[in-house]
Amino acid sequence: MPDEVKPNLNESPTHDSQLAAESIASGNEKAPTVDFDADYAAAQQFSVSEVDRTGEGEAAAEAATAPKYTTSKPQETKVEAQSTGNPDDYLELAKEVGNSNTEGVTSVSDDLVKKALEKGERKN
């Protein structure tokens, strides 16, 4: 269904659009009509090219996106950890993960400071 364009003189950004709006308002020119449904239908015709409507377009698209090199498939490897049930294994793991002897202390207490002072005094 066509809609009529109603120009507004106050919103005309250019001199030409102001002149056109004045001519329409005075009746010297007919206001243009816009048929949105017909325009949309026409736009749909242009959204797909003629080549895409045939098998040739599909073949061209596949050729354009085909990989140029072949890749090998990765081999799956299955790793299964053996449970030993030996507490010494877990103790060793805890030493590696937790605070070791070479890492710094995270909390300082009064007793720790006393021990450090005592060790420092013994060396002198």
C-alpha atoms as a PDB file:
ATOM      1  CA  MET A   1       0.000   0.000   0.000  1.00  0.00           C
ATOM      2  CA  PRO A   2       1.648   3.254  -1.075  1.00  0.00           C
ATOM      3  CA  ASP A   3       2.375   5.897   1.544  1.00  0.00           C
ATOM      4  CA  GLU A   4       2.545   9.589   0.708  1.00  0.00           C
ATOM      5  CA  VAL A   5       5.673  11.521   1.633  1.00  0.00           C
ATOM      6  CA  LYS A   6       4.838  14.580   3.713  1.00  0.00           C
ATOM      7  CA  PRO A   7       7.777  16.997   3.707  1.00  0.00           C
ATOM      8  CA  ASN A   8       8.377  19.286   6.669  1.00  0.00           C
ATOM      9  CA  LEU A   9       9.760  22.730   5.826  1.00  0.00           C
ATOM     10  CA  ASN A  10      11.422  23.053   9.236  1.00  0.00           C
ATOM     11  CA  GLU A  11      13.359  19.797   8.842  1.00  0.00           C
ATOM     12  CA  SER A  12      14.698  20.363   5.325  1.00  0.00           C
ATOM     13  CA  PRO A  13      18.499  20.215   5.567  1.00  0.00           C
ATOM     14  CA  THR A  14      19.324  21.749   2.162  1.00  0.00           C
ATOM     15  CA  HIS A  15      18.030  24.591   0.046  1.00  0.00           C
ATOM     16  CA  ASP A  16      16.896  22.147  -2.647  1.00  0.00           C
ATOM     17  CA  SER A  17      14.858  20.139  -0.172  1.00  0.00           C
ATOM     18  CA  GLN A  18      13.298  23.335   1.163  1.00  0.00           C
ATOM     19  CA  LEU A  19      12.289  24.380  -2.370  1.00  0.00           C
ATOM     20  CA  ALA A  20      10.830  20.932  -3.043  1.00  0.00           C
ATOM     21  CA  ALA A  21       8.893  20.994   0.256  1.00  0.00           C
ATOM     22  CA  GLU A  22       7.515  24.463  -0.548  1.00  0.00           C
ATOM     23  CA  SER A  23       6.432  23.332  -4.043  1.00  0.00           C
ATOM     24  CA  ILE A  24       4.619  20.322  -2.597  1.00  0.00           C
ATOM     25  CA  ALA A  25       3.016  22.401   0.161  1.00  0.00           C
ATOM     26  CA  SER A  26       1.792  25.013  -2.338  1.00  0.00           C
ATOM     27  CA  GLY A  27       0.379  22.319  -4.640  1.00  0.00           C
ATOM     28  CA  ASN A  28       2.706  23.084  -7.573  1.00  0.00           C
ATOM     29  CA  GLU A  29       4.177  19.579  -7.363  1.00  0.00           C
ATOM     30  CA  LYS A  30       2.625  16.276  -6.444  1.00  0.00           C
ATOM     31  CA  ALA A  31       4.003  14.574  -3.310  1.00  0.00           C
ATOM     32  CA  PRO A  32       5.904  11.383  -4.115  1.00  0.00           C
ATOM     33  CA  THR A  33       4.494   8.071  -2.909  1.00  0.00           C
ATOM     34  CA  VAL A  34       6.462   5.156  -1.551  1.00  0.00           C
ATOM     35  CA  ASP A  35       5.267   1.566  -1.731  1.00  0.00           C
ATOM     36  CA  PHE A  36       7.304  -0.243   0.911  1.00  0.00           C
ATOM     37  CA  ASP A  37       5.902  -3.688   0.090  1.00  0.00           C
ATOM     38  CA  ALA A  38       6.760  -3.372  -3.609  1.00  0.00           C
ATOM     39  CA  ASP A  39      10.222  -2.013  -2.792  1.00  0.00           C
ATOM     40  CA  TYR A  40      10.855  -4.899  -0.410  1.00  0.00           C
ATOM     41  CA  ALA A  41       9.756  -7.448  -3.016  1.00  0.00           C
ATOM     42  CA  ALA A  42      12.048  -5.837  -5.597  1.00  0.00           C
ATOM     43  CA  ALA A  43      14.951  -5.874  -3.145  1.00  0.00           C
ATOM     44  CA  GLN A  44      14.449  -9.609  -2.602  1.00  0.00           C
ATOM     45  CA  GLN A  45      14.954 -10.184  -6.314  1.00  0.00           C
ATOM     46  CA  PHE A  46      18.330  -8.413  -6.147  1.00  0.00           C
ATOM     47  CA  SER A  47      19.484 -10.178  -2.972  1.00  0.00           C
ATOM     48  CA  VAL A  48      20.275 -13.400  -4.890  1.00  0.00           C
ATOM     49  CA  SER A  49      22.355 -13.241  -8.038  1.00  0.00           C
ATOM     50  CA  GLU A  50      21.492 -15.145 -11.200  1.00  0.00           C
ATOM     51  CA  VAL A  51      24.563 -17.370 -10.766  1.00  0.00           C
ATOM     52  CA  ASP A  52      23.379 -18.442  -7.309  1.00  0.00           C
ATOM     53  CA  ARG A  53      20.081 -19.648  -8.725  1.00  0.00           C
ATOM     54  CA  THR A  54      21.893 -22.315 -10.744  1.00  0.00           C
ATOM     55  CA  GLY A  55      24.190 -25.198  -9.823  1.00  0.00           C
ATOM     56  CA  GLU A  56      27.078 -23.207 -11.257  1.00  0.00           C
ATOM     57  CA  GLY A  57      26.955 -20.768  -8.340  1.00  0.00           C
ATOM     58  CA  GLU A  58      27.113 -23.569  -5.785  1.00  0.00           C
ATOM     59  CA  ALA A  59      30.100 -25.120  -7.566  1.00  0.00           C
ATOM     60  CA  ALA A  60      31.892 -21.762  -7.700  1.00  0.00           C
ATOM     61  CA  ALA A  61      31.302 -21.181  -3.995  1.00  0.00           C
ATOM     62  CA  GLU A  62      32.579 -24.640  -3.121  1.00  0.00           C
ATOM     63  CA  ALA A  63      35.691 -24.159  -5.257  1.00  0.00           C
ATOM     64  CA  ALA A  64      36.385 -20.786  -3.659  1.00  0.00           C
ATOM     65  CA  THR A  65      36.140 -22.125  -0.109  1.00  0.00           C
ATOM     66  CA  ALA A  66      37.816 -25.505  -0.647  1.00  0.00           C
ATOM     67  CA  PRO A  67      40.945 -26.088   1.437  1.00  0.00           C
ATOM     68  CA  LYS A  68      44.218 -25.821  -0.467  1.00  0.00           C
ATOM     69  CA  TYR A  69      46.212 -28.140   1.786  1.00  0.00           C
ATOM     70  CA  THR A  70      45.429 -31.446   3.388  1.00  0.00           C
ATOM     71  CA  THR A  71      45.955 -31.926   7.077  1.00  0.00           C
ATOM     72  CA  SER A  72      46.597 -35.151   8.894  1.00  0.00           C
ATOM     73  CA  LYS A  73      44.218 -36.378  11.528  1.00  0.00           C
ATOM     74  CA  PRO A  74      45.602 -36.374  15.048  1.00  0.00           C
ATOM     75  CA  GLN A  75      46.026 -39.748  16.695  1.00  0.00           C
ATOM     76  CA  GLU A  76      44.197 -40.256  19.932  1.00  0.00           C
ATOM     77  CA  THR A  77      46.271 -41.339  22.875  1.00  0.00           C
ATOM     78  CA  LYS A  78      44.751 -42.619  26.056  1.00  0.00           C
ATOM     79  CA  VAL A  79      46.591 -41.936  29.277  1.00  0.00           C
ATOM     80  CA  GLU A  80      45.443 -43.635  32.413  1.00  0.00           C
ATOM     81  CA  ALA A  81      46.945 -42.821  35.788  1.00  0.00           C
ATOM     82  CA  GLN A  82      47.741 -45.871  37.883  1.00  0.00           C
ATOM     83  CA  SER A  83      46.544 -45.649  41.459  1.00  0.00           C
ATOM     84  CA  THR A  84      49.224 -46.867  43.844  1.00  0.00           C
ATOM     85  CA  GLY A  85      47.480 -46.336  47.164  1.00  0.00           C
ATOM     86  CA  ASN A  86      50.875 -45.465  48.656  1.00  0.00           C
ATOM     87  CA  PRO A  87      50.650 -42.398  50.986  1.00  0.00           C
ATOM     88  CA  ASP A  88      54.300 -41.532  50.281  1.00  0.00           C
ATOM     89  CA  ASP A  89      53.388 -40.744  46.661  1.00  0.00           C
ATOM     90  CA  TYR A  90      50.806 -38.229  47.824  1.00  0.00           C
ATOM     91  CA  LEU A  91      53.231 -36.732  50.343  1.00  0.00           C
ATOM     92  CA  GLU A  92      55.795 -36.166  47.596  1.00  0.00           C
ATOM     93  CA  LEU A  93      53.131 -34.577  45.393  1.00  0.00           C
ATOM     94  CA  ALA A  94      52.023 -32.313  48.241  1.00  0.00           C
ATOM     95  CA  LYS A  95      55.613 -31.108  48.689  1.00  0.00           C
ATOM     96  CA  GLU A  96      55.843 -30.253  44.988  1.00  0.00           C
ATOM     97  CA  VAL A  97      52.521 -28.432  44.932  1.00  0.00           C
ATOM     98  CA  GLY A  98      52.481 -26.875  48.386  1.00  0.00           C
ATOM     99  CA  ASN A  99      55.000 -24.686  50.177  1.00  0.00           C
ATOM    100  CA  SER A 100      58.400 -26.243  49.675  1.00  0.00           C
ATOM    101  CA  ASN A 101      61.573 -25.526  51.600  1.00  0.00           C
ATOM    102  CA  THR A 102      62.789 -23.168  48.884  1.00  0.00           C
ATOM    103  CA  GLU A 103      59.651 -21.035  48.706  1.00  0.00           C
ATOM    104  CA  GLY A 104      58.992 -18.028  50.892  1.00  0.00           C
ATOM    105  CA  VAL A 105      56.788 -18.129  53.951  1.00  0.00           C
ATOM    106  CA  THR A 106      53.308 -16.764  53.421  1.00  0.00           C
ATOM    107  CA  SER A 107      52.507 -15.851  57.034  1.00  0.00           C
ATOM    108  CA  VAL A 108      54.852 -14.440  59.681  1.00  0.00           C
ATOM    109  CA  SER A 109      54.188 -15.138  63.345  1.00  0.00           C
ATOM    110  CA  ASP A 110      56.017 -14.010  66.516  1.00  0.00           C
ATOM    111  CA  ASP A 111      57.494 -17.487  66.947  1.00  0.00           C
ATOM    112  CA  LEU A 112      58.886 -17.413  63.429  1.00  0.00           C
ATOM    113  CA  VAL A 113      60.522 -14.033  64.064  1.00  0.00           C
ATOM    114  CA  LYS A 114      62.085 -15.368  67.311  1.00  0.00           C
ATOM    115  CA  LYS A 115      63.486 -18.389  65.449  1.00  0.00           C
ATOM    116  CA  ALA A 116      64.971 -16.149  62.751  1.00  0.00           C
ATOM    117  CA  LEU A 117      66.600 -13.896  65.369  1.00  0.00           C
ATOM    118  CA  GLU A 118      68.007 -16.914  67.207  1.00  0.00           C
ATOM    119  CA  LYS A 119      69.504 -18.313  63.988  1.00  0.00           C
ATOM    120  CA  GLY A 120      71.037 -14.923  63.219  1.00  0.00           C
ATOM    121  CA  GLU A 121      72.609 -14.649  66.674  1.00  0.00           C
ATOM    122  CA  ARG A 122      74.106 -18.170  66.513  1.00  0.00           C
ATOM    123  CA  LYS A 123      76.047 -17.399  63.333  1.00  0.00           C
ATOM    124  CA  ASN A 124      77.938 -14.485  64.914  1.00  0.00           C
END
